[in-house]
Amino acid sequence: MMFTRTLNLIALGFLALWMLPKFLVTKIEPWEIGVRVSVFGGVAEEDFGLGYHWSVIGLHHFRRLQSTLHFLDFNEDPGAERPTLEVRTKENNVIFVDVSVPWRIKRGEAWRIVRTDLDYESKIISTAMGILREGLATMSNADVQQPEKRQQTADAILPKLNEALAQYYVHADKVLIRAIRFRDAYEEKLQNKQYYVVQGRLDEAKRQESVAVQETDTTEQTIQKDINLKREEWNAKIEALKTKWEIEVAMLEAEAVQYDRRRRSEGDALHATAKAEGDLAEAKAEALGEKLKAQALASQAGKTYSAITAAEKFELGEVELNSLDPSFLLKFGGMDAWRKFFMGQ
């Protein structure tokens, strides 16, 4: 029993927590401006933006206005809310103008709209129509056909429009003139006139093109003539320089040949002289060597060297001795005999 009562209390608590915000706060979406109206205090002098705001059911309620960009359009498209503006130009010709005016509620002044209880959208439409007709009527037929003039007219209308709309606490961002048309008959005349103007401009452009082509041809011929003259002038200069350099090259080649021959003859003479001097020196050296050799061999040491060399190369063949003739032994039987034989002593 106690447990059931506890569950009931918890459920009632959750229900109260869920229901309580519904009675005490109001949610304002990002695209909205909230204006709180009190039963006793009237309209609060502030705008409420995105979020939850204090509001007791039975004591307060919120008026919601759109914070996003609004568009006031005048055009002849099927299903359009407002028809194209019909305006007379300075020349008293009727034109039909498609216009768009983007506008928005001024920041922090939505509560003023609610306080004055204005049907502000219808008043904005009627005010804008009057200002737009007045401003567009300042254009001439020629201005209508020039985008720059149309833009200047739209820019001039915007300050006057905002001055008139300020009483309704809204602000226009721009005046966009999207299209302008004359009545069909006059439109046809304008198109024909424009056709003739364009045709005239085309003819003038073709004439200027023909003149430009002729001038270009004349200029090209003059340039080509100058090029030919310059080419001949430079060819003459090149030939003159070529001849000059060929002569100089030939002279240099002749000088080189003469120099080569002179240097070769000088070199040959030097070579012959040097060779003769070398041969003479070699002959003198050989003679001196032979002289020195002879002198060396004539000395006692030279004789000894000659004897040793002779002894090394001496070969004694078979010798038959006659016992009855002892002269050989007398001549070669001792060292003195051999020394005398080889050394002459």
Protein backbone atom coordinates (compact mmCIF):
# COMPACT_ATOMS: atom_id res chain seq x y z
CA MET A 1 0.00 0.00 0.00
CA MET A 2 2.83 2.32 0.91
CA PHE A 3 4.70 1.39 -2.26
CA THR A 4 1.69 2.16 -4.47
CA ARG A 5 1.25 5.56 -2.84
CA THR A 6 4.94 6.35 -3.46
CA LEU A 7 4.62 5.44 -7.15
CA ASN A 8 1.55 7.66 -7.46
CA LEU A 9 3.39 10.57 -5.90
CA ILE A 10 6.36 10.10 -8.26
CA ALA A 11 4.04 9.94 -11.28
CA LEU A 12 2.24 13.09 -10.16
CA GLY A 13 5.62 14.79 -9.70
CA PHE A 14 6.74 13.93 -13.24
CA LEU A 15 3.39 15.03 -14.65
CA ALA A 16 3.68 18.33 -12.79
CA LEU A 17 7.21 18.87 -14.06
CA TRP A 18 6.03 18.17 -17.62
CA MET A 19 2.91 20.33 -17.44
CA LEU A 20 4.38 23.24 -15.45
CA PRO A 21 6.46 24.75 -18.38
CA LYS A 22 3.34 24.65 -20.54
CA PHE A 23 1.64 27.06 -18.13
CA LEU A 24 4.66 29.27 -17.27
CA VAL A 25 6.83 29.74 -20.42
CA THR A 26 6.35 30.27 -24.15
CA LYS A 27 8.85 29.24 -26.83
CA ILE A 28 9.81 31.69 -29.62
CA GLU A 29 11.25 30.17 -32.79
CA PRO A 30 14.35 31.53 -34.64
CA TRP A 31 12.23 33.03 -37.45
CA GLU A 32 9.86 34.81 -35.05
CA ILE A 33 9.73 37.98 -32.99
CA GLY A 34 7.65 37.62 -29.85
CA VAL A 35 5.71 40.47 -28.28
CA ARG A 36 4.30 39.73 -24.81
CA VAL A 37 0.86 41.11 -24.01
CA SER A 38 -0.31 41.15 -20.38
CA VAL A 39 -3.93 41.28 -19.24
CA PHE A 40 -3.12 43.97 -16.71
CA GLY A 41 0.08 45.60 -18.03
CA GLY A 42 -0.66 45.69 -21.75
CA VAL A 43 2.11 45.33 -24.35
CA ALA A 44 5.65 44.86 -22.98
CA GLU A 45 8.05 47.42 -24.49
CA GLU A 46 10.58 44.92 -25.79
CA ASP A 47 10.96 42.28 -28.49
CA PHE A 48 11.55 38.67 -27.50
CA GLY A 49 13.83 36.54 -29.68
CA LEU A 50 14.70 32.85 -29.84
CA GLY A 51 14.16 30.87 -26.60
CA TYR A 52 11.75 30.33 -23.71
CA HIS A 53 10.15 33.37 -22.08
CA TRP A 54 8.02 33.91 -18.95
CA SER A 55 4.34 33.66 -19.76
CA VAL A 56 1.56 32.61 -17.37
CA ILE A 57 -1.52 31.17 -19.01
CA GLY A 58 -4.46 33.43 -18.40
CA LEU A 59 -2.23 36.44 -17.62
CA HIS A 60 0.02 36.69 -20.67
CA HIS A 61 0.01 35.77 -24.31
CA PHE A 62 2.51 36.34 -27.14
CA ARG A 63 1.93 37.99 -30.52
CA ARG A 64 4.29 36.45 -33.09
CA LEU A 65 5.68 38.44 -36.03
CA GLN A 66 8.00 37.18 -38.76
CA SER A 67 11.64 38.26 -38.29
CA THR A 68 12.70 36.98 -41.72
CA LEU A 69 12.91 39.00 -44.93
CA HIS A 70 9.56 39.88 -46.56
CA PHE A 71 9.06 40.60 -50.25
CA LEU A 72 6.68 43.09 -51.76
CA ASP A 73 6.28 42.03 -55.40
CA PHE A 74 4.46 43.74 -58.27
CA ASN A 75 4.41 41.57 -61.39
CA GLU A 76 2.09 40.01 -63.93
CA ASP A 77 3.04 36.39 -63.27
CA PRO A 78 0.09 34.01 -62.90
CA GLY A 79 -0.97 33.80 -59.27
CA ALA A 80 0.82 37.02 -58.28
CA GLU A 81 -0.76 38.82 -55.30
CA ARG A 82 -0.23 42.31 -56.77
CA PRO A 83 -0.30 43.31 -60.44
CA THR A 84 2.42 45.14 -62.33
CA LEU A 85 2.65 48.85 -61.58
CA GLU A 86 1.21 51.02 -64.36
CA VAL A 87 3.14 54.32 -64.60
CA ARG A 88 3.37 57.20 -67.07
CA THR A 89 6.77 58.46 -68.17
CA LYS A 90 7.76 62.11 -68.68
CA GLU A 91 6.54 61.82 -72.28
CA ASN A 92 3.14 60.60 -70.97
CA ASN A 93 3.69 57.06 -72.30
CA VAL A 94 2.32 54.21 -70.19
CA ILE A 95 4.85 51.66 -68.91
CA PHE A 96 4.29 48.47 -66.93
CA VAL A 97 6.93 47.90 -64.27
CA ASP A 98 7.75 44.69 -62.38
CA VAL A 99 9.21 45.70 -58.99
CA SER A 100 10.34 43.79 -55.89
CA VAL A 101 10.98 45.41 -52.52
CA PRO A 102 12.57 43.22 -49.80
CA TRP A 103 11.77 44.59 -46.34
CA ARG A 104 11.92 43.57 -42.69
CA ILE A 105 10.66 44.72 -39.28
CA LYS A 106 13.13 47.03 -37.57
CA ARG A 107 15.08 45.45 -34.74
CA GLY A 108 13.56 46.17 -31.33
CA GLU A 109 10.38 47.84 -32.70
CA ALA A 110 7.99 44.94 -33.26
CA TRP A 111 6.23 45.77 -29.94
CA ARG A 112 5.33 49.20 -31.38
CA ILE A 113 3.45 47.50 -34.23
CA VAL A 114 1.49 45.41 -31.76
CA ARG A 115 0.80 48.42 -29.48
CA THR A 116 -0.61 50.53 -32.33
CA ASP A 117 -2.62 47.52 -33.51
CA LEU A 118 -1.76 48.37 -37.11
CA ASP A 119 -2.74 46.39 -40.16
CA TYR A 120 0.81 47.23 -41.10
CA GLU A 121 1.19 44.96 -44.14
CA SER A 122 -1.67 46.56 -46.08
CA LYS A 123 -0.41 50.04 -45.12
CA ILE A 124 3.11 49.08 -46.29
CA ILE A 125 1.68 47.97 -49.65
CA SER A 126 -0.34 51.13 -50.22
CA THR A 127 2.53 53.40 -49.11
CA ALA A 128 5.07 51.59 -51.27
CA MET A 129 2.80 51.73 -54.34
CA GLY A 130 2.48 55.50 -54.01
CA ILE A 131 6.22 56.10 -53.55
CA LEU A 132 7.15 53.69 -56.38
CA ARG A 133 4.70 55.28 -58.85
CA GLU A 134 5.96 58.74 -57.98
CA GLY A 135 9.63 57.74 -58.35
CA LEU A 136 9.19 55.69 -61.54
CA ALA A 137 7.29 58.54 -63.19
CA THR A 138 10.48 60.61 -63.19
CA MET A 139 11.95 58.40 -65.93
CA SER A 140 11.85 59.30 -69.61
CA ASN A 141 11.41 56.90 -72.52
CA ALA A 142 15.18 56.96 -73.03
CA ASP A 143 15.85 56.30 -69.31
CA VAL A 144 13.64 53.20 -69.42
CA GLN A 145 15.88 51.66 -72.08
CA GLN A 146 19.12 52.25 -70.18
CA PRO A 147 19.99 49.86 -67.29
CA GLU A 148 22.17 52.49 -65.59
CA LYS A 149 19.32 55.02 -65.53
CA ARG A 150 16.89 52.42 -64.18
CA GLN A 151 19.33 51.55 -61.40
CA GLN A 152 19.83 55.23 -60.54
CA THR A 153 16.06 55.69 -60.34
CA ALA A 154 15.71 52.66 -58.02
CA ASP A 155 18.52 53.95 -55.79
CA ALA A 156 16.83 57.36 -55.60
CA ILE A 157 13.46 55.82 -54.64
CA LEU A 158 14.86 53.77 -51.71
CA PRO A 159 15.54 56.66 -49.22
CA LYS A 160 12.11 58.18 -49.88
CA LEU A 161 10.46 54.79 -49.45
CA ASN A 162 12.21 54.15 -46.10
CA GLU A 163 11.29 57.61 -44.89
CA ALA A 164 7.62 56.85 -45.61
CA LEU A 165 7.79 53.32 -44.14
CA ALA A 166 9.45 54.47 -40.90
CA GLN A 167 5.99 55.26 -39.43
CA TYR A 168 5.17 51.54 -39.69
CA TYR A 169 8.44 50.48 -38.02
CA VAL A 170 9.77 48.56 -41.04
CA HIS A 171 12.78 49.07 -43.31
CA ALA A 172 13.23 48.30 -47.03
CA ASP A 173 16.61 46.86 -48.05
CA LYS A 174 16.44 47.59 -51.75
CA VAL A 175 14.24 48.51 -54.70
CA LEU A 176 14.62 46.03 -57.56
CA ILE A 177 13.25 47.02 -60.98
CA ARG A 178 13.06 43.64 -62.69
CA ALA A 179 11.30 44.50 -65.94
CA ILE A 180 9.71 47.44 -67.78
CA ARG A 181 7.36 47.13 -70.75
CA PHE A 182 5.48 49.63 -72.91
CA ARG A 183 2.11 49.01 -74.46
CA ASP A 184 2.27 46.56 -77.32
CA ALA A 185 1.86 49.13 -80.10
CA TYR A 186 4.49 51.44 -78.64
CA GLU A 187 6.73 48.47 -77.79
CA GLU A 188 6.64 47.47 -81.47
CA LYS A 189 7.58 51.03 -82.49
CA LEU A 190 10.42 51.03 -80.00
CA GLN A 191 11.65 47.69 -81.25
CA ASN A 192 11.56 48.95 -84.83
CA LYS A 193 13.38 52.10 -83.77
CA GLN A 194 15.94 50.08 -81.91
CA TYR A 195 16.29 47.82 -84.93
CA TYR A 196 17.06 50.82 -87.14
CA VAL A 197 19.45 52.19 -84.54
CA VAL A 198 21.19 48.84 -84.30
CA GLN A 199 21.22 48.52 -88.08
CA GLY A 200 22.72 52.00 -88.34
CA ARG A 201 25.36 51.13 -85.78
CA LEU A 202 26.05 47.91 -87.66
CA ASP A 203 26.47 49.81 -90.93
CA GLU A 204 28.74 52.31 -89.20
CA ALA A 205 30.72 49.44 -87.69
CA LYS A 206 31.08 47.83 -91.13
CA ARG A 207 32.21 51.17 -92.58
CA GLN A 208 34.74 51.59 -89.83
CA GLU A 209 35.82 48.00 -90.37
CA SER A 210 36.35 48.69 -94.10
CA VAL A 211 38.35 51.83 -93.29
CA ALA A 212 40.36 49.91 -90.72
CA VAL A 213 41.04 47.11 -93.24
CA GLN A 214 42.25 49.65 -95.80
CA GLU A 215 44.43 51.37 -93.22
CA THR A 216 45.74 48.00 -92.11
CA ASP A 217 46.57 47.00 -95.70
CA THR A 218 48.32 50.33 -96.29
CA THR A 219 50.23 49.97 -93.04
CA GLU A 220 51.18 46.38 -93.88
CA GLN A 221 52.43 47.41 -97.32
CA THR A 222 54.43 50.29 -95.81
CA ILE A 223 55.88 47.96 -93.20
CA GLN A 224 56.71 45.35 -95.83
CA LYS A 225 58.41 48.03 -97.98
CA ASP A 226 60.44 49.19 -94.98
CA ILE A 227 61.33 45.59 -94.21
CA ASN A 228 62.54 44.99 -97.78
CA LEU A 229 64.62 48.18 -97.72
CA LYS A 230 66.11 47.25 -94.38
CA ARG A 231 66.75 43.70 -95.62
CA GLU A 232 68.63 45.02 -98.68
CA GLU A 233 70.55 47.48 -96.51
CA TRP A 234 71.58 44.79 -94.07
CA ASN A 235 72.42 42.35 -96.86
CA ALA A 236 74.76 44.98 -98.33
CA LYS A 237 76.33 45.54 -94.92
CA ILE A 238 76.69 41.80 -94.42
CA GLU A 239 78.34 41.34 -97.83
CA ALA A 240 80.72 44.24 -97.17
CA LEU A 241 81.65 42.86 -93.79
CA LYS A 242 81.93 39.36 -95.22
CA THR A 243 84.34 40.58 -97.94
CA LYS A 244 86.33 42.57 -95.38
CA TRP A 245 86.66 39.62 -93.06
CA GLU A 246 87.48 37.23 -95.90
CA ILE A 247 90.35 39.55 -96.94
CA GLU A 248 91.56 39.80 -93.37
CA VAL A 249 91.31 36.04 -92.94
CA ALA A 250 93.29 35.49 -96.18
CA MET A 251 95.95 37.93 -94.99
CA LEU A 252 96.12 36.19 -91.65
CA GLU A 253 96.39 32.80 -93.38
CA ALA A 254 99.22 34.11 -95.61
CA GLU A 255 101.03 35.54 -92.59
CA ALA A 256 100.52 32.26 -90.81
CA VAL A 257 101.99 30.30 -93.74
CA GLN A 258 104.97 32.65 -93.93
CA TYR A 259 105.45 32.45 -90.19
CA ASP A 260 105.19 28.65 -90.34
CA ARG A 261 107.72 28.39 -93.11
CA ARG A 262 110.11 30.82 -91.43
CA ARG A 263 109.87 29.08 -88.13
CA ARG A 264 110.24 25.66 -89.78
CA SER A 265 113.35 26.77 -91.70
CA GLU A 266 114.77 28.27 -88.55
CA GLY A 267 113.98 25.07 -86.70
CA ASP A 268 115.54 22.91 -89.43
CA ALA A 269 118.68 25.08 -89.37
CA LEU A 270 118.85 24.86 -85.60
CA HIS A 271 118.30 21.10 -85.80
CA ALA A 272 121.07 20.66 -88.40
CA THR A 273 123.44 22.85 -86.40
CA ALA A 274 122.60 21.08 -83.19
CA LYS A 275 122.99 17.66 -84.88
CA ALA A 276 126.36 18.62 -86.38
CA GLU A 277 127.52 19.94 -83.04
CA GLY A 278 126.26 16.77 -81.41
CA ASP A 279 127.99 14.52 -83.96
CA LEU A 280 131.20 16.51 -83.48
CA ALA A 281 130.92 16.25 -79.74
CA GLU A 282 130.21 12.53 -80.03
CA ALA A 283 133.25 12.05 -82.33
CA LYS A 284 135.42 14.04 -79.97
CA ALA A 285 134.12 11.99 -77.08
CA GLU A 286 134.84 8.74 -78.89
CA ALA A 287 138.31 9.93 -79.85
CA LEU A 288 138.95 11.09 -76.33
CA GLY A 289 137.66 7.76 -75.07
CA GLU A 290 139.95 5.83 -77.37
CA LYS A 291 142.84 8.04 -76.37
CA LEU A 292 142.08 7.58 -72.72
CA LYS A 293 141.60 3.85 -73.29
CA ALA A 294 144.94 3.64 -75.06
CA GLN A 295 146.60 5.61 -72.30
CA ALA A 296 144.97 3.41 -69.73
CA LEU A 297 146.02 0.25 -71.50
CA ALA A 298 149.58 1.56 -71.93
CA SER A 299 149.92 1.96 -68.18
CA GLN A 300 151.14 -0.86 -65.96
CA ALA A 301 147.60 -1.50 -64.73
CA GLY A 302 146.36 -1.49 -68.30
CA LYS A 303 148.98 -4.00 -69.31
CA THR A 304 148.02 -6.19 -66.37
CA TYR A 305 144.30 -5.89 -67.36
CA SER A 306 145.15 -6.79 -70.97
CA ALA A 307 147.22 -9.73 -69.83
CA ILE A 308 144.45 -11.04 -67.62
CA THR A 309 141.93 -10.66 -70.44
CA ALA A 310 144.28 -12.43 -72.86
CA ALA A 311 144.96 -15.20 -70.36
CA GLU A 312 141.19 -15.71 -69.84
CA LYS A 313 140.64 -16.03 -73.57
CA PHE A 314 143.86 -18.00 -74.29
CA GLU A 315 143.31 -21.62 -75.30
CA LEU A 316 146.32 -23.94 -75.63
CA GLY A 317 145.75 -26.72 -78.09
CA GLU A 318 147.53 -30.05 -78.24
CA VAL A 319 151.24 -29.62 -77.91
CA GLU A 320 153.66 -32.31 -78.92
CA LEU A 321 156.94 -32.01 -77.12
CA ASN A 322 160.18 -33.26 -78.50
CA SER A 323 162.26 -34.61 -75.76
CA LEU A 324 165.29 -33.98 -77.83
CA ASP A 325 164.38 -30.29 -78.11
CA PRO A 326 163.98 -28.69 -74.69
CA SER A 327 163.53 -25.17 -76.06
CA PHE A 328 159.77 -25.13 -75.40
CA LEU A 329 160.18 -25.82 -71.77
CA LEU A 330 162.87 -23.23 -71.59
CA LYS A 331 160.52 -20.73 -73.17
CA PHE A 332 157.21 -21.66 -71.40
CA GLY A 333 158.14 -23.83 -68.47
CA GLY A 334 158.00 -21.06 -65.82
CA MET A 335 155.85 -18.14 -64.72
CA ASP A 336 158.35 -15.65 -65.93
CA ALA A 337 158.06 -17.09 -69.40
CA TRP A 338 154.27 -16.77 -69.39
CA ARG A 339 154.40 -13.28 -67.87
CA LYS A 340 156.76 -12.19 -70.59
CA PHE A 341 154.51 -13.91 -73.13
CA PHE A 342 151.38 -12.11 -72.07
CA MET A 343 152.72 -8.88 -70.66
CA GLY A 344 155.81 -8.45 -72.86
CA GLN A 345 158.15 -8.15 -69.89
